[in-house]
Amino acid sequence: MIPKIIRTEIVTAKMIRNNEMILFQVQKHEINEKNHTRIDQLVGELNKAKRHGRSKVSLSFAYDDDPRELFEIENVCEYVKRALEKCPHLFYFHIPDQLAFGTFVRCIVGCKVESRTPQSIQLNMDMAAYRKKIKELSDAMISYGAKINDLQGARNQLHALGI
C-alpha cells in the first residue's frame, strides 16, 4: 500500500475514495497561525465520504525538528482540541493508531512530562479526565457510525484502538 501524502494540498472525497491511505500533514505555520482551513476542509470531505473514509487518514504534524512530545507543544494541543471539537468522531476516519489516539487525548487533558531519560518518559495527567475524554471520543465514533449505518465499522475502529 502506497499512501497518498498530502503536505499542503486540499483533500477531496474522491481522493479519499480512490486511495487506501492518506497521510495528511498539518504544517507548522498552520498551527502557529491557528489556520484550520485545510483540516476543516478535510473533515468536510471525510464526512462526505462517510464509510469510505473509515481508517483512511493519518494526521501528522510538521514538528519533526522539535524534540518535545506533541502534547508538550501548546499550539499543537490547541489545534488538536479545536479539530476534535469540530469533529469528535475524527478517529473513525483515522488509521487505527493507539499512539496517535493517546497523543491526541493527552493534548486535550493537559498531560505534563514529569521526567525524561533516554530510555523513558514519566507523565503526569488526570487519569479520570483521560478516561472521560476517551469515553466521549468513543461515544462520538459510535454515534457517527450509527448515523451513517456503519455501526460495526465504528466498533471495529474502537477495537483496533484497544478501546
N, C-alpha and C. Protein backbone atom coordinates (compact mmCIF):
# COMPACT_ATOMS: atom_id res chain seq x y z
N MET A 1 0.84 -1.17 0.00
CA MET A 1 0.00 0.00 0.00
C MET A 1 0.89 1.24 0.00
N ILE A 2 0.73 2.07 -1.02
CA ILE A 2 1.47 3.31 -1.11
C ILE A 2 0.53 4.44 -0.72
N PRO A 3 0.86 5.16 0.35
CA PRO A 3 -0.05 6.22 0.79
C PRO A 3 0.05 7.45 -0.10
N LYS A 4 -1.03 8.16 -0.19
CA LYS A 4 -1.06 9.48 -0.82
C LYS A 4 -0.63 10.46 0.26
N ILE A 5 0.44 11.19 0.01
CA ILE A 5 0.96 12.12 1.01
C ILE A 5 0.48 13.52 0.67
N ILE A 6 -0.18 14.14 1.64
CA ILE A 6 -0.73 15.48 1.47
C ILE A 6 -0.02 16.41 2.44
N ARG A 7 0.80 17.29 1.90
CA ARG A 7 1.52 18.23 2.77
C ARG A 7 0.85 19.60 2.78
N THR A 8 0.44 20.07 1.63
CA THR A 8 -0.14 21.41 1.56
C THR A 8 -1.41 21.45 0.74
N GLU A 9 -1.74 20.35 0.09
CA GLU A 9 -2.88 20.32 -0.81
C GLU A 9 -4.19 20.17 -0.05
N ILE A 10 -5.25 20.32 -0.81
CA ILE A 10 -6.61 20.11 -0.32
C ILE A 10 -6.99 18.67 -0.67
N VAL A 11 -7.70 18.01 0.23
CA VAL A 11 -8.16 16.64 0.01
C VAL A 11 -9.62 16.68 -0.43
N THR A 12 -9.96 15.83 -1.38
CA THR A 12 -11.35 15.73 -1.84
C THR A 12 -11.92 14.36 -1.47
N ALA A 13 -13.24 14.27 -1.45
CA ALA A 13 -13.90 12.98 -1.17
C ALA A 13 -13.48 11.95 -2.21
N LYS A 14 -13.29 12.37 -3.45
CA LYS A 14 -12.85 11.44 -4.50
C LYS A 14 -11.46 10.88 -4.17
N MET A 15 -10.55 11.74 -3.69
CA MET A 15 -9.23 11.26 -3.29
C MET A 15 -9.35 10.25 -2.16
N ILE A 16 -10.24 10.53 -1.24
CA ILE A 16 -10.44 9.63 -0.10
C ILE A 16 -10.92 8.27 -0.59
N ARG A 17 -11.89 8.28 -1.48
CA ARG A 17 -12.43 7.02 -2.00
C ARG A 17 -11.41 6.26 -2.84
N ASN A 18 -10.54 6.98 -3.56
CA ASN A 18 -9.63 6.35 -4.52
C ASN A 18 -8.27 5.97 -3.95
N ASN A 19 -8.01 6.26 -2.70
CA ASN A 19 -6.73 5.92 -2.09
C ASN A 19 -6.95 5.07 -0.85
N GLU A 20 -6.05 4.12 -0.64
CA GLU A 20 -6.16 3.26 0.54
C GLU A 20 -5.75 3.99 1.81
N MET A 21 -4.83 4.94 1.67
CA MET A 21 -4.33 5.65 2.84
C MET A 21 -3.92 7.06 2.42
N ILE A 22 -4.25 8.03 3.27
CA ILE A 22 -3.84 9.40 3.04
C ILE A 22 -3.09 9.88 4.28
N LEU A 23 -1.84 10.28 4.07
CA LEU A 23 -1.05 10.87 5.15
C LEU A 23 -1.20 12.38 5.02
N PHE A 24 -1.89 12.97 5.97
CA PHE A 24 -2.21 14.39 5.93
C PHE A 24 -1.33 15.11 6.94
N GLN A 25 -0.43 15.93 6.42
CA GLN A 25 0.49 16.63 7.31
C GLN A 25 0.01 18.06 7.54
N VAL A 26 -0.19 18.40 8.80
CA VAL A 26 -0.53 19.76 9.19
C VAL A 26 0.79 20.51 9.35
N GLN A 27 0.92 21.60 8.64
CA GLN A 27 2.16 22.36 8.64
C GLN A 27 2.29 23.23 9.90
N LYS A 28 3.52 23.47 10.29
CA LYS A 28 3.79 24.25 11.49
C LYS A 28 3.16 25.64 11.40
N HIS A 29 3.25 26.27 10.25
CA HIS A 29 2.68 27.62 10.12
C HIS A 29 1.16 27.59 10.27
N GLU A 30 0.50 26.51 9.85
CA GLU A 30 -0.95 26.40 10.03
C GLU A 30 -1.29 26.36 11.52
N ILE A 31 -0.50 25.63 12.26
CA ILE A 31 -0.73 25.51 13.70
C ILE A 31 -0.43 26.83 14.41
N ASN A 32 0.71 27.42 14.11
CA ASN A 32 1.10 28.66 14.78
C ASN A 32 0.17 29.82 14.43
N GLU A 33 -0.37 29.82 13.21
CA GLU A 33 -1.29 30.89 12.78
C GLU A 33 -2.75 30.54 13.10
N LYS A 34 -2.96 29.38 13.72
CA LYS A 34 -4.32 28.91 14.04
C LYS A 34 -5.19 28.88 12.79
N ASN A 35 -4.58 28.43 11.70
CA ASN A 35 -5.26 28.33 10.41
C ASN A 35 -5.82 26.91 10.27
N HIS A 36 -7.13 26.79 10.38
CA HIS A 36 -7.79 25.49 10.34
C HIS A 36 -8.45 25.22 9.00
N THR A 37 -8.13 26.00 7.99
CA THR A 37 -8.80 25.88 6.69
C THR A 37 -8.67 24.48 6.12
N ARG A 38 -7.45 23.95 6.05
CA ARG A 38 -7.27 22.62 5.42
C ARG A 38 -7.86 21.51 6.27
N ILE A 39 -7.69 21.56 7.58
CA ILE A 39 -8.24 20.48 8.42
C ILE A 39 -9.76 20.52 8.39
N ASP A 40 -10.34 21.72 8.39
CA ASP A 40 -11.80 21.84 8.29
C ASP A 40 -12.29 21.28 6.96
N GLN A 41 -11.57 21.59 5.91
CA GLN A 41 -11.94 21.09 4.59
C GLN A 41 -11.80 19.56 4.54
N LEU A 42 -10.72 19.03 5.15
CA LEU A 42 -10.53 17.58 5.21
C LEU A 42 -11.70 16.92 5.94
N VAL A 43 -12.07 17.48 7.08
CA VAL A 43 -13.18 16.91 7.86
C VAL A 43 -14.47 16.93 7.04
N GLY A 44 -14.71 18.03 6.33
CA GLY A 44 -15.91 18.10 5.47
C GLY A 44 -15.91 17.03 4.40
N GLU A 45 -14.77 16.79 3.78
CA GLU A 45 -14.68 15.78 2.73
C GLU A 45 -14.77 14.37 3.32
N LEU A 46 -14.19 14.16 4.49
CA LEU A 46 -14.32 12.85 5.14
C LEU A 46 -15.78 12.57 5.48
N ASN A 47 -16.48 13.58 5.98
CA ASN A 47 -17.90 13.40 6.28
C ASN A 47 -18.71 13.11 5.02
N LYS A 48 -18.33 13.70 3.89
CA LYS A 48 -18.99 13.39 2.61
C LYS A 48 -18.71 11.95 2.19
N ALA A 49 -17.47 11.51 2.42
CA ALA A 49 -17.07 10.16 2.01
C ALA A 49 -17.69 9.09 2.91
N LYS A 50 -18.11 9.47 4.09
CA LYS A 50 -18.74 8.57 5.07
C LYS A 50 -17.90 7.32 5.27
N ARG A 51 -18.50 6.15 5.12
CA ARG A 51 -17.79 4.90 5.43
C ARG A 51 -16.57 4.68 4.54
N HIS A 52 -16.53 5.32 3.38
CA HIS A 52 -15.35 5.20 2.50
C HIS A 52 -14.13 5.87 3.10
N GLY A 53 -14.35 6.73 4.10
CA GLY A 53 -13.25 7.41 4.76
C GLY A 53 -12.73 6.70 6.00
N ARG A 54 -13.46 5.65 6.42
CA ARG A 54 -13.06 4.95 7.65
C ARG A 54 -11.66 4.36 7.51
N SER A 55 -10.82 4.64 8.49
CA SER A 55 -9.45 4.10 8.59
C SER A 55 -8.54 4.54 7.44
N LYS A 56 -8.81 5.67 6.84
CA LYS A 56 -8.04 6.07 5.66
C LYS A 56 -6.99 7.13 5.91
N VAL A 57 -7.15 7.95 6.95
CA VAL A 57 -6.31 9.12 7.12
C VAL A 57 -5.39 8.97 8.32
N SER A 58 -4.18 9.43 8.15
CA SER A 58 -3.25 9.54 9.27
C SER A 58 -2.83 11.00 9.35
N LEU A 59 -3.10 11.62 10.47
CA LEU A 59 -2.70 13.02 10.66
C LEU A 59 -1.30 13.06 11.24
N SER A 60 -0.50 13.97 10.71
CA SER A 60 0.81 14.19 11.30
C SER A 60 1.03 15.70 11.39
N PHE A 61 1.94 16.07 12.24
CA PHE A 61 2.23 17.48 12.48
C PHE A 61 3.69 17.73 12.17
N ALA A 62 3.99 18.77 11.43
CA ALA A 62 5.34 19.06 10.95
C ALA A 62 6.23 19.62 12.07
N TYR A 63 6.44 18.80 13.08
CA TYR A 63 7.28 19.19 14.21
C TYR A 63 8.42 18.19 14.41
N ASP A 64 8.87 17.58 13.32
CA ASP A 64 9.94 16.59 13.43
C ASP A 64 11.23 17.17 13.97
N ASP A 65 11.42 18.48 13.81
CA ASP A 65 12.63 19.14 14.27
C ASP A 65 12.55 19.57 15.74
N ASP A 66 11.44 19.28 16.39
CA ASP A 66 11.22 19.67 17.79
C ASP A 66 11.32 18.42 18.65
N PRO A 67 12.22 18.40 19.65
CA PRO A 67 12.40 17.18 20.45
C PRO A 67 11.26 16.90 21.43
N ARG A 68 10.38 17.86 21.64
CA ARG A 68 9.28 17.66 22.59
C ARG A 68 8.23 16.72 22.03
N GLU A 69 7.49 16.12 22.94
CA GLU A 69 6.31 15.35 22.55
C GLU A 69 5.27 16.34 22.03
N LEU A 70 4.42 15.91 21.13
CA LEU A 70 3.40 16.82 20.59
C LEU A 70 2.53 17.41 21.69
N PHE A 71 2.20 16.61 22.71
CA PHE A 71 1.33 17.12 23.76
C PHE A 71 2.02 18.13 24.67
N GLU A 72 3.32 18.35 24.47
CA GLU A 72 4.05 19.39 25.20
C GLU A 72 4.04 20.73 24.46
N ILE A 73 3.56 20.73 23.24
CA ILE A 73 3.57 21.94 22.40
C ILE A 73 2.18 22.55 22.46
N GLU A 74 2.08 23.68 23.13
CA GLU A 74 0.78 24.30 23.39
C GLU A 74 -0.02 24.56 22.11
N ASN A 75 0.62 25.07 21.08
CA ASN A 75 -0.11 25.36 19.83
C ASN A 75 -0.66 24.09 19.19
N VAL A 76 0.08 22.99 19.28
CA VAL A 76 -0.42 21.72 18.74
C VAL A 76 -1.64 21.28 19.55
N CYS A 77 -1.55 21.39 20.86
CA CYS A 77 -2.68 20.98 21.72
C CYS A 77 -3.92 21.81 21.42
N GLU A 78 -3.76 23.11 21.24
CA GLU A 78 -4.91 23.95 20.90
C GLU A 78 -5.49 23.55 19.55
N TYR A 79 -4.63 23.23 18.60
CA TYR A 79 -5.07 22.82 17.27
C TYR A 79 -5.85 21.50 17.35
N VAL A 80 -5.32 20.55 18.10
CA VAL A 80 -5.97 19.25 18.26
C VAL A 80 -7.32 19.41 18.95
N LYS A 81 -7.35 20.20 20.02
CA LYS A 81 -8.62 20.44 20.73
C LYS A 81 -9.67 20.98 19.77
N ARG A 82 -9.29 21.96 18.99
CA ARG A 82 -10.22 22.58 18.05
C ARG A 82 -10.68 21.57 17.00
N ALA A 83 -9.75 20.76 16.49
CA ALA A 83 -10.12 19.76 15.47
C ALA A 83 -11.11 18.74 16.04
N LEU A 84 -10.89 18.31 17.28
CA LEU A 84 -11.78 17.32 17.89
C LEU A 84 -13.09 17.94 18.36
N GLU A 85 -13.10 19.22 18.65
CA GLU A 85 -14.39 19.89 18.93
C GLU A 85 -15.23 19.95 17.67
N LYS A 86 -14.58 20.23 16.56
CA LYS A 86 -15.27 20.33 15.28
C LYS A 86 -15.71 18.95 14.78
N CYS A 87 -14.89 17.94 15.05
CA CYS A 87 -15.17 16.59 14.56
C CYS A 87 -14.80 15.58 15.64
N PRO A 88 -15.66 15.40 16.66
CA PRO A 88 -15.32 14.47 17.75
C PRO A 88 -15.19 13.02 17.29
N HIS A 89 -15.73 12.69 16.12
CA HIS A 89 -15.62 11.33 15.59
C HIS A 89 -14.42 11.20 14.63
N LEU A 90 -13.45 12.11 14.72
CA LEU A 90 -12.31 12.13 13.80
C LEU A 90 -11.60 10.78 13.73
N PHE A 91 -11.51 10.06 14.85
CA PHE A 91 -10.79 8.79 14.83
C PHE A 91 -11.57 7.67 14.15
N TYR A 92 -12.81 7.93 13.74
CA TYR A 92 -13.50 6.98 12.84
C TYR A 92 -12.74 6.94 11.51
N PHE A 93 -12.20 8.08 11.10
CA PHE A 93 -11.52 8.21 9.83
C PHE A 93 -10.02 7.93 9.93
N HIS A 94 -9.46 8.07 11.11
CA HIS A 94 -8.02 7.94 11.30
C HIS A 94 -7.60 6.47 11.22
N ILE A 95 -6.46 6.23 10.65
CA ILE A 95 -5.90 4.88 10.65
C ILE A 95 -5.79 4.45 12.11
N PRO A 96 -6.23 3.24 12.46
CA PRO A 96 -6.16 2.82 13.86
C PRO A 96 -4.72 2.87 14.36
N ASP A 97 -4.47 3.79 15.24
CA ASP A 97 -3.13 4.03 15.74
C ASP A 97 -3.25 4.43 17.21
N GLN A 98 -2.94 3.49 18.09
CA GLN A 98 -3.10 3.74 19.52
C GLN A 98 -2.21 4.87 20.00
N LEU A 99 -1.01 4.98 19.43
CA LEU A 99 -0.09 6.05 19.84
C LEU A 99 -0.67 7.42 19.47
N ALA A 100 -1.16 7.56 18.24
CA ALA A 100 -1.74 8.84 17.81
C ALA A 100 -2.97 9.18 18.65
N PHE A 101 -3.83 8.19 18.87
CA PHE A 101 -5.03 8.42 19.67
C PHE A 101 -4.66 8.90 21.07
N GLY A 102 -3.71 8.21 21.69
CA GLY A 102 -3.26 8.59 23.03
C GLY A 102 -2.65 9.97 23.05
N THR A 103 -1.89 10.31 22.03
CA THR A 103 -1.28 11.64 21.94
C THR A 103 -2.35 12.71 21.83
N PHE A 104 -3.36 12.48 21.00
CA PHE A 104 -4.45 13.44 20.86
C PHE A 104 -5.16 13.63 22.20
N VAL A 105 -5.45 12.55 22.89
CA VAL A 105 -6.14 12.66 24.18
C VAL A 105 -5.25 13.36 25.20
N ARG A 106 -3.95 13.05 25.20
CA ARG A 106 -3.04 13.74 26.14
C ARG A 106 -2.99 15.24 25.85
N CYS A 107 -3.09 15.63 24.57
CA CYS A 107 -3.16 17.06 24.24
C CYS A 107 -4.37 17.71 24.90
N ILE A 108 -5.49 17.02 24.87
CA ILE A 108 -6.74 17.59 25.37
C ILE A 108 -6.76 17.70 26.89
N VAL A 109 -6.23 16.70 27.58
CA VAL A 109 -6.34 16.68 29.04
C VAL A 109 -5.18 17.37 29.75
N GLY A 110 -4.23 17.90 28.99
CA GLY A 110 -3.16 18.66 29.62
C GLY A 110 -2.10 17.82 30.28
N CYS A 111 -1.65 16.80 29.63
CA CYS A 111 -0.60 15.93 30.15
C CYS A 111 0.72 16.69 30.25
N LYS A 112 1.46 16.45 31.31
CA LYS A 112 2.76 17.10 31.54
C LYS A 112 3.84 16.04 31.69
N VAL A 113 5.04 16.36 31.25
CA VAL A 113 6.19 15.47 31.43
C VAL A 113 6.81 15.76 32.78
N GLU A 114 6.86 14.74 33.63
CA GLU A 114 7.47 14.88 34.95
C GLU A 114 8.98 14.74 34.86
N SER A 115 9.42 13.72 34.13
CA SER A 115 10.86 13.48 33.97
C SER A 115 11.09 12.71 32.68
N ARG A 116 12.32 12.81 32.21
CA ARG A 116 12.66 12.18 30.94
C ARG A 116 14.10 11.67 31.02
N THR A 117 14.29 10.45 30.55
CA THR A 117 15.62 9.89 30.39
C THR A 117 15.69 9.39 28.95
N PRO A 118 16.87 9.02 28.49
CA PRO A 118 16.95 8.48 27.12
C PRO A 118 16.09 7.22 26.92
N GLN A 119 15.80 6.50 28.01
CA GLN A 119 15.05 5.25 27.90
C GLN A 119 13.56 5.40 28.21
N SER A 120 13.17 6.45 28.93
CA SER A 120 11.77 6.53 29.35
C SER A 120 11.32 7.96 29.56
N ILE A 121 10.01 8.08 29.69
CA ILE A 121 9.41 9.37 29.96
C ILE A 121 8.33 9.15 31.03
N GLN A 122 8.33 9.98 32.04
CA GLN A 122 7.35 9.88 33.12
C GLN A 122 6.34 11.01 32.95
N LEU A 123 5.04 10.63 32.86
CA LEU A 123 3.99 11.60 32.60
C LEU A 123 3.14 11.84 33.84
N ASN A 124 2.53 13.02 33.88
CA ASN A 124 1.59 13.36 34.93
C ASN A 124 0.33 13.90 34.26
N MET A 125 -0.78 13.21 34.50
CA MET A 125 -2.05 13.70 33.95
C MET A 125 -3.19 13.20 34.82
N ASP A 126 -4.30 13.86 34.67
CA ASP A 126 -5.51 13.50 35.39
C ASP A 126 -6.13 12.28 34.69
N MET A 127 -5.96 11.11 35.28
CA MET A 127 -6.43 9.87 34.64
C MET A 127 -7.95 9.83 34.52
N ALA A 128 -8.66 10.44 35.44
CA ALA A 128 -10.12 10.48 35.33
C ALA A 128 -10.52 11.30 34.11
N ALA A 129 -9.86 12.42 33.91
CA ALA A 129 -10.14 13.25 32.73
C ALA A 129 -9.76 12.51 31.45
N TYR A 130 -8.65 11.75 31.50
CA TYR A 130 -8.20 10.97 30.34
C TYR A 130 -9.25 9.93 29.97
N ARG A 131 -9.72 9.17 30.96
CA ARG A 131 -10.74 8.14 30.70
C ARG A 131 -12.05 8.78 30.21
N LYS A 132 -12.41 9.92 30.79
CA LYS A 132 -13.63 10.62 30.38
C LYS A 132 -13.54 11.05 28.91
N LYS A 133 -12.39 11.58 28.50
CA LYS A 133 -12.22 12.04 27.12
C LYS A 133 -12.24 10.84 26.17
N ILE A 134 -11.63 9.73 26.55
CA ILE A 134 -11.67 8.53 25.71
C ILE A 134 -13.13 8.08 25.53
N LYS A 135 -13.90 8.11 26.61
CA LYS A 135 -15.32 7.73 26.52
C LYS A 135 -16.07 8.68 25.59
N GLU A 136 -15.84 9.97 25.72
CA GLU A 136 -16.51 10.95 24.86
C GLU A 136 -16.17 10.71 23.38
N LEU A 137 -14.90 10.50 23.08
CA LEU A 137 -14.49 10.26 21.70
C LEU A 137 -15.04 8.94 21.18
N SER A 138 -15.05 7.92 22.04
CA SER A 138 -15.62 6.62 21.66
C SER A 138 -17.10 6.74 21.37
N ASP A 139 -17.81 7.43 22.25
CA ASP A 139 -19.25 7.63 22.04
C ASP A 139 -19.52 8.38 20.74
N ALA A 140 -18.68 9.37 20.43
CA ALA A 140 -18.85 10.14 19.20
C ALA A 140 -18.64 9.24 17.98
N MET A 141 -17.66 8.34 18.05
CA MET A 141 -17.43 7.42 16.93
C MET A 141 -18.61 6.47 16.75
N ILE A 142 -19.13 5.95 17.84
CA ILE A 142 -20.27 5.04 17.77
C ILE A 142 -21.49 5.78 17.22
N SER A 143 -21.72 6.98 17.70
CA SER A 143 -22.85 7.79 17.23
C SER A 143 -22.74 8.07 15.74
N TYR A 144 -21.54 8.42 15.29
CA TYR A 144 -21.34 8.69 13.87
C TYR A 144 -21.54 7.42 13.05
N GLY A 145 -20.98 6.31 13.51
CA GLY A 145 -21.16 5.04 12.81
C GLY A 145 -22.63 4.68 12.67
N ALA A 146 -23.41 4.88 13.73
CA ALA A 146 -24.85 4.60 13.67
C ALA A 146 -25.53 5.54 12.69
N LYS A 147 -25.13 6.80 12.69
CA LYS A 147 -25.75 7.80 11.81
C LYS A 147 -25.57 7.45 10.34
N ILE A 148 -24.42 6.89 9.98
CA ILE A 148 -24.16 6.58 8.57
C ILE A 148 -24.33 5.08 8.27
N ASN A 149 -25.00 4.38 9.17
CA ASN A 149 -25.24 2.93 9.01
C ASN A 149 -23.96 2.12 8.91
N ASP A 150 -23.00 2.47 9.74
CA ASP A 150 -21.75 1.71 9.81
C ASP A 150 -21.34 1.54 11.27
N LEU A 151 -22.30 1.10 12.06
CA LEU A 151 -22.04 0.91 13.48
C LEU A 151 -20.94 -0.12 13.71
N GLN A 152 -20.97 -1.21 12.94
CA GLN A 152 -19.94 -2.24 13.11
C GLN A 152 -18.56 -1.70 12.73
N GLY A 153 -18.50 -0.86 11.71
CA GLY A 153 -17.23 -0.23 11.34
C GLY A 153 -16.68 0.63 12.45
N ALA A 154 -17.56 1.39 13.11
CA ALA A 154 -17.13 2.22 14.23
C ALA A 154 -16.63 1.35 15.38
N ARG A 155 -17.36 0.26 15.64
CA ARG A 155 -16.92 -0.66 16.70
C ARG A 155 -15.57 -1.28 16.37
N ASN A 156 -15.37 -1.62 15.11
CA ASN A 156 -14.09 -2.19 14.69
C ASN A 156 -12.95 -1.19 14.90
N GLN A 157 -13.22 0.09 14.62
CA GLN A 157 -12.23 1.13 14.86
C GLN A 157 -11.85 1.19 16.34
N LEU A 158 -12.85 1.19 17.19
CA LEU A 158 -12.59 1.23 18.62
C LEU A 158 -11.79 0.01 19.08
N HIS A 159 -12.14 -1.14 18.56
CA HIS A 159 -11.42 -2.36 18.90
C HIS A 159 -9.96 -2.25 18.45
N ALA A 160 -9.74 -1.74 17.24
CA ALA A 160 -8.37 -1.59 16.72
C ALA A 160 -7.57 -0.59 17.55
N LEU A 161 -8.27 0.36 18.16
CA LEU A 161 -7.60 1.33 19.04
C LEU A 161 -7.40 0.80 20.45
N GLY A 162 -7.87 -0.41 20.70
CA GLY A 162 -7.70 -1.01 22.02
C GLY A 162 -8.73 -0.52 23.03
N ILE A 163 -9.86 -0.04 22.53
CA ILE A 163 -10.90 0.51 23.42
C ILE A 163 -12.06 -0.46 23.49
